[in-house]
Protein backbone atom coordinates (compact mmCIF):
# COMPACT_ATOMS: atom_id res chain seq x y z
CA UNK A 1 130.50 13.88 155.85
CA UNK A 2 131.63 13.56 159.42
CA UNK A 3 129.56 15.09 162.18
CA UNK A 4 131.37 17.81 164.08
CA UNK A 5 131.09 17.93 167.85
CA UNK A 6 133.12 21.03 168.71
CA UNK A 7 131.27 24.09 169.92
CA UNK A 8 130.76 27.07 167.69
CA UNK A 9 132.92 29.14 169.98
CA UNK A 10 135.92 26.96 169.22
CA UNK A 11 135.55 27.36 165.45
CA UNK A 12 134.77 31.05 165.27
CA UNK A 13 138.42 32.11 165.57
CA UNK A 14 137.70 35.34 167.42
CA UNK A 15 141.12 36.87 166.98
CA UNK A 16 141.21 36.12 163.28
CA UNK A 17 137.78 37.66 162.91
CA UNK A 18 138.92 40.94 164.42
CA UNK A 19 142.01 41.12 162.24
CA UNK A 20 140.29 40.24 159.00
CA UNK A 21 137.23 42.37 159.47
CA UNK A 22 139.15 45.38 160.65
CA UNK A 23 141.33 45.27 157.56
CA UNK A 24 138.46 44.64 155.20
CA UNK A 25 136.39 47.49 156.60
CA UNK A 26 138.80 49.93 154.98
CA UNK A 27 138.19 48.48 151.52
CA UNK A 28 135.25 50.38 150.05
CA UNK A 29 135.52 48.53 146.73
CA UNK A 30 135.05 45.10 148.24
CA UNK A 31 134.41 42.28 145.76
CA UNK A 32 132.90 39.08 147.01
CA UNK A 33 134.79 36.52 144.96
CA UNK A 34 137.23 34.49 147.03
CA UNK A 35 140.84 34.68 145.87
CA UNK A 36 141.49 31.29 147.44
CA UNK A 37 138.86 28.50 147.59
CA UNK A 38 136.94 28.37 150.86
CA UNK A 39 135.59 24.86 151.49
CA UNK A 40 133.27 23.33 154.07
CA UNK A 41 133.84 21.23 156.06
CA UNK A 42 137.39 22.43 156.63
CA UNK A 43 140.39 20.25 155.85
CA UNK A 44 141.26 17.48 156.38
CA UNK A 45 137.65 16.42 155.72
CA UNK A 46 136.54 15.93 152.14
CA UNK A 47 135.14 19.20 150.73
CA UNK A 48 131.45 19.21 149.91
CA UNK A 49 130.54 22.91 149.89
CA UNK A 50 132.46 25.87 148.46
CA UNK A 51 131.80 29.56 148.96
CA UNK A 52 131.46 30.87 145.40
CA UNK A 53 130.62 34.57 145.44
CA UNK A 54 128.33 37.22 146.89
CA UNK A 55 125.74 39.68 145.63
CA UNK A 56 125.48 43.05 147.28
CA UNK A 57 124.67 45.41 144.42
CA UNK A 58 124.03 45.59 140.70
CA UNK A 59 127.80 45.88 140.23
CA UNK A 60 128.10 42.25 141.29
CA UNK A 61 125.86 40.96 138.48
CA UNK A 62 127.07 43.05 135.57
CA UNK A 63 128.28 39.80 134.02
CA UNK A 64 131.17 41.48 132.26
CA UNK A 65 129.16 44.34 130.85
CA UNK A 66 130.77 47.76 130.61
CA UNK A 67 129.42 50.51 132.81
CA UNK A 68 128.04 52.40 129.84
CA UNK A 69 125.85 49.60 128.55
CA UNK A 70 124.37 48.48 131.90
CA UNK A 71 120.73 49.29 132.55
CA UNK A 72 119.03 49.23 135.93
CA UNK A 73 115.32 48.59 135.66
CA UNK A 74 113.33 49.76 138.67
CA UNK A 75 109.68 50.12 137.71
CA UNK A 76 109.74 49.27 134.03
CA UNK A 77 111.68 52.32 132.86
CA UNK A 78 115.30 51.85 131.97
CA UNK A 79 117.97 54.05 133.48
CA UNK A 80 121.37 54.46 131.88
CA UNK A 81 123.24 55.14 135.08
CA UNK A 82 123.11 54.20 138.72
CA UNK A 83 123.96 51.28 140.94
CA UNK A 84 121.42 49.72 143.24
CA UNK A 85 122.62 48.25 146.52
CA UNK A 86 120.61 45.61 148.31
CA UNK A 87 119.27 46.62 151.71
CA UNK A 88 118.55 44.60 154.82
CA UNK A 89 117.46 41.36 153.17
CA UNK A 90 115.59 38.45 154.75
CA UNK A 91 113.63 35.95 152.66
CA UNK A 92 115.04 34.67 149.38
CA UNK A 93 113.58 32.48 146.63
CA UNK A 94 114.74 31.33 143.19
CA UNK A 95 112.07 30.96 140.50
CA UNK A 96 112.73 30.35 136.80
CA UNK A 97 116.29 31.57 137.13
CA UNK A 98 115.45 34.85 138.87
CA UNK A 99 116.34 35.54 142.50
CA UNK A 100 113.63 37.19 144.61
CA UNK A 101 114.72 38.92 147.81
CA UNK A 102 112.43 40.43 150.47
CA UNK A 103 113.99 43.70 151.60
CA UNK A 104 112.20 44.75 154.78
CA UNK A 105 113.63 48.18 155.48
CA UNK A 106 113.54 49.00 151.79
CA UNK A 107 109.82 48.13 151.72
CA UNK A 108 110.22 46.19 148.50
CA UNK A 109 111.09 42.90 146.82
CA UNK A 110 114.20 42.90 144.65
CA UNK A 111 114.24 40.69 141.55
CA UNK A 112 117.74 39.77 140.39
CA UNK A 113 118.04 38.65 136.78
CA UNK A 114 121.53 37.23 136.32
CA UNK A 115 121.23 36.81 132.56
CA UNK A 116 120.05 40.36 131.95
CA UNK A 117 122.34 41.82 134.59
CA UNK A 118 119.47 43.77 136.16
CA UNK A 119 117.82 44.28 139.50
CA UNK A 120 114.12 45.15 139.38
CA UNK A 121 111.14 45.33 141.70
CA UNK A 122 107.42 44.69 141.09
CA UNK A 123 105.98 47.93 139.77
CA UNK A 124 102.97 47.37 142.02
CA UNK A 125 105.01 48.22 145.13
CA UNK A 126 105.09 51.83 143.92
CA UNK A 127 101.29 52.09 143.88
CA UNK A 128 99.12 53.05 146.88
CA UNK A 129 97.31 49.70 147.02
CA UNK A 130 100.39 47.58 146.42
CA UNK A 131 102.83 49.39 148.70
CA UNK A 132 104.71 47.20 151.17
CA UNK A 133 105.76 48.14 154.71
CA UNK A 134 108.01 45.30 155.88
CA UNK A 135 108.16 42.29 153.54
CA UNK A 136 109.81 39.29 155.18
CA UNK A 137 109.42 36.28 152.87
CA UNK A 138 108.19 35.51 149.36
CA UNK A 139 107.00 32.64 147.19
CA UNK A 140 105.72 32.23 143.62
CA UNK A 141 103.09 29.94 142.13
CA UNK A 142 102.98 28.10 138.82
CA UNK A 143 101.57 31.17 137.07
CA UNK A 144 104.37 33.41 138.37
CA UNK A 145 102.15 35.25 140.83
CA UNK A 146 104.27 36.64 143.66
CA UNK A 147 103.09 36.26 147.28
CA UNK A 148 104.71 38.46 149.92
CA UNK A 149 104.41 38.00 153.70
CA UNK A 150 104.43 41.54 155.12
CA UNK A 151 104.80 41.56 158.92
CA UNK A 152 103.83 45.21 159.37
CA UNK A 153 100.76 45.03 157.15
CA UNK A 154 100.06 41.64 158.79
CA UNK A 155 98.84 40.19 155.53
CA UNK A 156 99.87 38.43 152.34
CA UNK A 157 100.22 40.78 149.36
CA UNK A 158 99.90 39.32 145.85
CA UNK A 159 101.32 40.63 142.56
CA UNK A 160 100.67 39.15 139.12
CA UNK A 161 103.33 37.92 136.69
CA UNK A 162 103.76 41.46 135.33
CA UNK A 163 104.37 42.87 138.80
CA UNK A 164 100.98 44.56 139.16
CA UNK A 165 99.24 44.54 142.53
CA UNK A 166 96.56 41.86 142.47
CA UNK A 167 95.11 41.48 145.96
CA UNK A 168 95.92 41.02 149.64
CA UNK A 169 94.45 38.67 152.24
CA UNK A 170 94.92 36.87 155.58
CA UNK A 171 94.76 40.21 157.37
CA UNK A 172 95.70 39.98 161.04
CA UNK A 173 95.49 42.46 163.87
CA UNK A 174 96.90 43.16 167.32
CA UNK A 175 100.27 44.27 168.60
CA UNK A 176 103.52 42.60 169.60
CA UNK A 177 104.64 39.01 169.19
CA UNK A 178 101.41 37.69 170.67
CA UNK A 179 99.22 39.42 168.09
CA UNK A 180 96.28 37.38 166.89
CA UNK A 181 97.86 36.96 163.47
CA UNK A 182 101.24 37.81 161.99
CA UNK A 183 102.21 36.01 158.79
CA UNK A 184 106.00 35.66 158.55
CA UNK A 185 106.52 33.11 155.76
CA UNK A 186 104.70 31.73 152.72
CA UNK A 187 105.21 28.72 150.45
CA UNK A 188 103.32 27.55 147.36
CA UNK A 189 103.13 23.78 147.00
CA UNK A 190 101.02 21.72 144.58
CA UNK A 191 98.18 24.17 144.14
CA UNK A 192 97.99 25.32 147.74
CA UNK A 193 99.45 28.29 149.58
CA UNK A 194 100.95 27.58 153.01
CA UNK A 195 101.44 30.49 155.41
CA UNK A 196 103.23 30.56 158.75
CA UNK A 197 101.46 32.62 161.41
CA UNK A 198 103.88 33.62 164.17
CA UNK A 199 101.23 35.37 166.25
CA UNK A 200 98.82 32.44 166.32
CA UNK A 201 101.50 29.73 166.31
CA UNK A 202 99.94 27.98 163.31
CA UNK A 203 100.57 26.87 159.76
CA UNK A 204 97.59 27.95 157.66
CA UNK A 205 96.71 26.51 154.27
CA UNK A 206 94.83 28.55 151.65
CA UNK A 207 93.34 28.04 148.22
CA UNK A 208 95.24 30.72 146.23
CA UNK A 209 92.37 31.07 143.74
CA UNK A 210 89.53 31.63 146.19
CA UNK A 211 91.72 32.82 149.11
CA UNK A 212 89.67 30.51 151.33
CA UNK A 213 91.48 29.00 154.29
CA UNK A 214 91.39 25.21 153.97
CA UNK A 215 93.02 24.04 157.19
CA UNK A 216 95.48 24.95 159.94
CA UNK A 217 97.77 23.04 162.28
CA UNK A 218 100.53 23.51 164.83
CA UNK A 219 98.72 23.10 168.17
CA UNK A 220 98.98 20.01 170.35
CA UNK A 221 97.61 18.82 173.68
CA UNK A 222 101.00 17.27 174.44
CA UNK A 223 103.55 19.47 176.27
CA UNK A 224 106.26 20.93 174.07
CA UNK A 225 104.67 19.93 170.77
CA UNK A 226 102.83 23.15 169.96
CA UNK A 227 104.39 25.80 167.78
CA UNK A 228 105.56 28.83 169.74
CA UNK A 229 106.88 31.83 167.81
CA UNK A 230 107.45 29.91 164.55
CA UNK A 231 109.60 31.97 162.22
CA UNK A 232 110.19 30.19 158.92
CA UNK A 233 109.34 26.95 157.16
CA UNK A 234 109.88 24.90 154.04
CA UNK A 235 108.24 21.95 152.29
CA UNK A 236 109.97 18.87 150.86
CA UNK A 237 108.90 17.12 147.61
CA UNK A 238 106.75 14.67 149.61
CA UNK A 239 104.79 17.50 151.20
CA UNK A 240 106.40 17.30 154.64
CA UNK A 241 106.61 20.67 156.37
CA UNK A 242 109.64 21.76 158.43
CA UNK A 243 109.19 24.74 160.78
CA UNK A 244 111.86 26.62 162.73
CA UNK A 245 110.39 27.31 166.16
CA UNK A 246 111.93 30.17 168.12
CA UNK A 247 109.98 29.29 171.26
CA UNK A 248 112.16 26.26 172.02
CA UNK A 249 114.92 26.56 169.36
CA UNK A 250 113.83 23.42 167.55
CA UNK A 251 112.75 22.37 164.08
CA UNK A 252 109.33 20.68 163.90
CA UNK A 253 108.40 18.28 161.10
CA UNK A 254 104.78 17.66 160.00
CA UNK A 255 103.28 15.55 157.24
CA UNK A 256 101.18 17.14 154.50
CA UNK A 257 98.01 16.66 156.58
CA UNK A 258 99.50 18.60 159.48
CA UNK A 259 100.28 15.63 161.71
CA UNK A 260 103.33 16.04 163.92
CA UNK A 261 106.16 13.66 162.98
CA UNK A 262 109.30 14.66 164.88
CA UNK A 263 111.51 17.52 166.03
CA UNK A 264 115.22 18.14 166.47
CA UNK A 265 117.53 20.78 167.88
CA UNK A 266 117.24 22.59 171.18
CA UNK A 267 118.82 25.65 172.76
CA UNK A 268 122.63 25.76 172.86
CA UNK A 269 125.80 26.46 170.91
CA UNK A 270 126.77 22.85 170.21
CA UNK A 271 126.37 21.45 166.72
CA UNK A 272 122.83 20.18 166.37
CA UNK A 273 121.54 22.94 168.66
CA UNK A 274 120.31 26.47 167.89
CA UNK A 275 120.24 29.86 169.55
CA UNK A 276 118.08 31.64 166.97
CA UNK A 277 116.88 29.34 164.14
CA UNK A 278 115.58 31.29 161.16
CA UNK A 279 115.49 30.25 157.51
CA UNK A 280 115.30 26.59 156.52
CA UNK A 281 115.63 24.76 153.19
CA UNK A 282 116.05 21.26 151.77
CA UNK A 283 118.02 20.02 148.79
CA UNK A 284 117.23 17.25 146.33
CA UNK A 285 118.85 14.70 148.65
CA UNK A 286 116.50 15.73 151.49
CA UNK A 287 119.39 17.26 153.40
CA UNK A 288 118.18 20.02 155.71
CA UNK A 289 119.82 23.45 155.95
CA UNK A 290 119.01 25.52 159.04
CA UNK A 291 120.12 29.13 159.48
CA UNK A 292 121.13 30.03 163.03
CA UNK A 293 121.17 33.80 163.44
CA UNK A 294 122.59 33.51 166.95
CA UNK A 295 125.82 31.78 165.92
CA UNK A 296 126.06 33.14 162.36
CA UNK A 297 126.20 29.75 160.68
CA UNK A 298 124.08 27.41 158.57
CA UNK A 299 123.98 23.84 159.85
CA UNK A 300 123.44 20.94 157.48
CA UNK A 301 121.56 17.80 158.61
CA UNK A 302 120.70 14.53 156.89
CA UNK A 303 117.13 13.24 156.71
CA UNK A 304 117.61 11.50 160.06
CA UNK A 305 118.43 14.89 161.68
CA UNK A 306 122.11 14.03 162.15
CA UNK A 307 124.28 17.13 161.83
CA UNK A 308 126.76 16.82 158.96
CA UNK A 309 128.61 20.11 158.65
CA UNK A 310 128.23 23.88 158.84
CA UNK A 311 128.95 26.89 156.66
CA UNK A 312 129.45 30.61 157.21
CA UNK A 313 131.28 30.74 160.55
CA UNK A 314 132.92 34.07 161.45
CA UNK A 315 136.59 34.72 160.82
CA UNK A 316 136.95 33.63 157.21
CA UNK A 317 138.47 35.88 154.54
CA UNK A 318 135.37 35.13 152.45
CA UNK A 319 132.22 33.11 153.06
CA UNK A 320 131.35 34.30 156.57
CA UNK A 321 127.80 35.33 157.48
CA UNK A 322 126.59 38.20 159.66
CA UNK A 323 123.14 37.83 161.21
CA UNK A 324 121.99 35.39 158.51
CA UNK A 325 118.27 35.05 157.99
CA UNK A 326 116.90 33.57 154.77
CA UNK A 327 118.04 30.58 152.75
CA UNK A 328 117.04 28.75 149.61
CA UNK A 329 118.56 25.85 147.68
CA UNK A 330 118.28 25.58 143.90
CA UNK A 331 119.65 23.76 140.87
CA UNK A 332 118.94 26.76 138.65
CA UNK A 333 121.73 29.12 137.51
CA UNK A 334 124.38 26.40 137.81
CA UNK A 335 126.17 27.51 134.64
CA UNK A 336 126.36 31.08 135.88
CA UNK A 337 127.94 30.19 139.23
CA UNK A 338 130.08 27.20 138.15
CA UNK A 339 132.71 29.63 136.86
CA UNK A 340 133.38 30.74 140.44
CA UNK A 341 134.19 27.18 141.59
CA UNK A 342 137.70 25.92 142.18
CA UNK A 343 139.28 23.85 139.39
CA UNK A 344 137.88 20.34 139.54
CA UNK A 345 135.01 21.18 141.91
CA UNK A 346 131.70 20.29 140.26
CA UNK A 347 128.65 22.08 141.66
CA UNK A 348 125.40 20.10 141.83
CA UNK A 349 123.20 22.70 143.53
CA UNK A 350 123.43 26.19 144.97
CA UNK A 351 122.81 27.53 148.47
CA UNK A 352 121.79 31.19 148.75
CA UNK A 353 121.93 32.78 152.22
CA UNK A 354 120.99 36.36 153.14
CA UNK A 355 122.90 38.35 155.77
CA UNK A 356 121.17 41.30 157.36
CA UNK A 357 124.43 43.05 158.24
CA UNK A 358 127.99 43.01 157.07
CA UNK A 359 128.81 44.97 153.92
CA UNK A 360 131.32 47.08 155.81
CA UNK A 361 133.08 43.80 156.67
CA UNK A 362 133.07 42.44 153.11
CA UNK A 363 130.08 40.23 153.88
CA UNK A 364 127.46 40.57 151.12
CA UNK A 365 123.71 40.64 151.52
CA UNK A 366 123.53 37.38 149.56
CA UNK A 367 126.24 34.73 149.93
CA UNK A 368 126.24 31.96 147.31
CA UNK A 369 127.69 28.55 148.10
CA UNK A 370 127.98 25.53 145.83
CA UNK A 371 127.32 21.97 147.01
CA UNK A 372 129.26 19.43 145.00
CA UNK A 373 132.32 17.25 144.84
CA UNK A 374 135.90 17.32 143.65
CA UNK A 375 136.16 15.38 140.42
CA UNK A 376 138.85 12.77 140.16
CA UNK A 377 141.50 13.44 137.55
């Protein structure tokens, strides 16, 4: 893919945005399936990513079921009627085919089961000990335990595979962004739990069985190499950690022992720069996806940090983002989403991106894109 050097402002199509969004705002029955294929990068470049569909409510995952036979499971009890709409979503994770979404204002985690056509939540969130206040990101371990980073509770809340509250730990205290501890993101990797502490500017590593902290890293004696207001992170198959750092609008890369390797980005609206980097993910080819909430796009980089393309810019009839936050990349659920692809476009993996605003503009809480290629006939 060719690197693009135009500024975001030149590709946002301001006038088109106003026209499209104003018209779409009147449509209260908005569906999120594109009538015409939306590809990235735009023509004449070869298409590599297609916007497939969006998920905003249980209506969007009915999978062809009739209204009368759809059940919405909330806390283990089936309900015959009702539609659940996703709230202000942030973190997103795919685990064993299910999509887990941290819904901060809703004080819960939504679990989307595409095969069953249901949206559920851990029943533990309805109990006094397991109640959440502002969940931001989630991860799951090999035993299906769910770990939730709650920024208001300032701790990690754990639920077992059945959704029961299990424990909480890594409790922080203080107020404001400079609080002593404020966990914003969590990742399980090869038997260890990694947690990103925005308040302390550290990545902390825990033993999920004993809850003992094993190590921490992120500080440096060299200018500009310490984490400052880190927001989100991800881990590649080799154990390298990538952190989006709001303090200088860069992405920092560390090895699995916490040693600094490199960084890329910087403040700005050019491609390869960020104004508010948030969620970050990697695919099987070690390509790096970085959400920029300031410009409403996701930028895609290769493993040498060269920008390749972007997705989600404003002004599209479908596939735009509005204050995007979380992202995850997965090869699960390919059969489910392949049917939304254009004829001849073969999807190899999926990109899920959350938008915190936008339903009134036909922008769903979860936008689903497919990375792939156009098969030769």
